Protein backbone atom coordinates (compact mmCIF):
# COMPACT_ATOMS: atom_id res chain seq x y z
CA MET A 1 73.23 -34.53 22.34
CA MET A 2 73.38 -38.10 23.35
CA LYS A 3 70.44 -40.35 24.22
CA LYS A 4 70.65 -42.40 26.87
CA ALA A 5 69.98 -45.87 26.51
CA ALA A 6 66.88 -47.22 27.80
CA VAL A 7 67.46 -50.08 30.41
CA LYS A 8 64.98 -52.73 30.24
CA LYS A 9 64.43 -54.44 33.71
CA SER A 10 62.36 -57.49 33.39
CA LEU A 11 60.15 -58.30 36.08
CA ILE A 12 60.29 -61.83 37.69
CA TYR A 13 57.22 -63.40 38.55
CA THR A 14 56.90 -66.11 40.92
CA VAL A 15 54.57 -69.05 40.72
CA ASP A 16 54.34 -71.65 43.79
CA LEU A 17 52.98 -74.78 42.31
CA THR A 18 51.58 -75.98 45.73
CA THR A 19 48.69 -73.48 44.49
CA ILE A 20 47.93 -75.12 41.48
CA ASP A 21 45.18 -77.70 40.78
CA GLY A 22 45.20 -80.23 37.85
CA ASP A 23 47.94 -81.27 35.89
CA GLY A 24 50.49 -78.17 36.61
CA ALA A 25 49.92 -76.05 33.92
CA PHE A 26 49.47 -72.20 34.33
CA PRO A 27 48.95 -69.17 32.58
CA CYS A 28 51.93 -66.88 31.95
CA PRO A 29 51.13 -64.05 34.74
CA LYS A 30 51.93 -61.24 32.28
CA CYS A 31 50.34 -62.38 28.62
CA GLY A 32 47.95 -65.59 29.77
CA VAL A 33 49.60 -68.23 27.20
CA ILE A 34 49.56 -71.49 29.10
CA ILE A 35 52.65 -72.98 30.44
CA SER A 36 52.29 -76.68 30.71
CA PRO A 37 54.83 -79.20 32.33
CA ASP A 38 54.08 -81.70 29.23
CA ASP A 39 55.23 -79.18 26.50
CA GLU A 40 58.93 -80.41 25.88
CA THR A 41 59.02 -78.48 22.70
CA GLU A 42 60.48 -75.25 24.14
CA GLU A 43 57.87 -73.39 21.78
CA VAL A 44 55.83 -72.04 24.57
CA TYR A 45 58.70 -71.46 27.68
CA GLN A 46 62.58 -72.15 27.92
CA ILE A 47 63.96 -73.35 30.89
CA VAL A 48 66.59 -70.73 32.21
CA LYS A 49 67.80 -71.71 35.40
CA THR A 50 67.23 -74.54 37.84
CA LYS A 51 68.13 -74.49 41.51
CA VAL A 52 68.74 -77.97 43.29
CA LYS A 53 69.00 -78.76 46.74
CA GLY A 54 70.41 -81.96 47.70
CA ASP A 55 69.08 -84.22 45.39
CA GLU A 56 65.56 -82.35 44.97
CA LEU A 57 64.41 -79.85 42.95
CA ALA A 58 63.81 -76.60 44.45
CA GLU A 59 63.51 -73.88 42.23
CA LEU A 60 63.15 -73.68 38.42
CA THR A 61 63.33 -70.29 36.41
CA LEU A 62 61.24 -70.31 33.15
CA MET A 63 61.05 -67.42 30.42
CA CYS A 64 57.92 -66.93 28.30
CA ASN A 65 58.67 -67.16 24.73
CA LYS A 66 55.70 -65.02 23.94
CA CYS A 67 56.27 -62.06 26.01
CA GLY A 68 59.78 -62.55 27.43
CA SER A 69 58.68 -62.73 31.11
CA LYS A 70 60.63 -64.65 33.63
CA ILE A 71 58.63 -66.88 35.90
CA ARG A 72 60.21 -68.62 39.01
CA LEU A 73 58.40 -71.47 39.81
CA THR A 74 58.63 -72.68 43.70
CA GLY A 75 56.83 -75.16 45.89
CA PHE A 76 58.24 -78.51 44.34
CA LEU A 77 57.17 -81.55 46.50
CA PRO A 78 59.90 -83.69 47.52
CA GLN A 79 60.07 -87.30 45.75
CA PRO A 80 59.11 -90.26 48.02
CA GLU A 81 62.32 -92.39 48.48
CA SER A 82 61.72 -95.93 46.97
């Protein structure tokens, strides 16, 4: 008798950056580790996908390195024109 392979479907959490106060850091919705935009080491998270509209960043998908959750960031504010 063959066992069926377990299909692991990961949830994608959505975080709206317009609801975050402070420097933009937020806890992972699943495990609570702090994800900070200032962290460039990729020890806590990795950028998986970027979505750009015109010249503006519209959406960013991250993966938490601690629990493996995927987190979609929305609510990027348009940059003022110089």
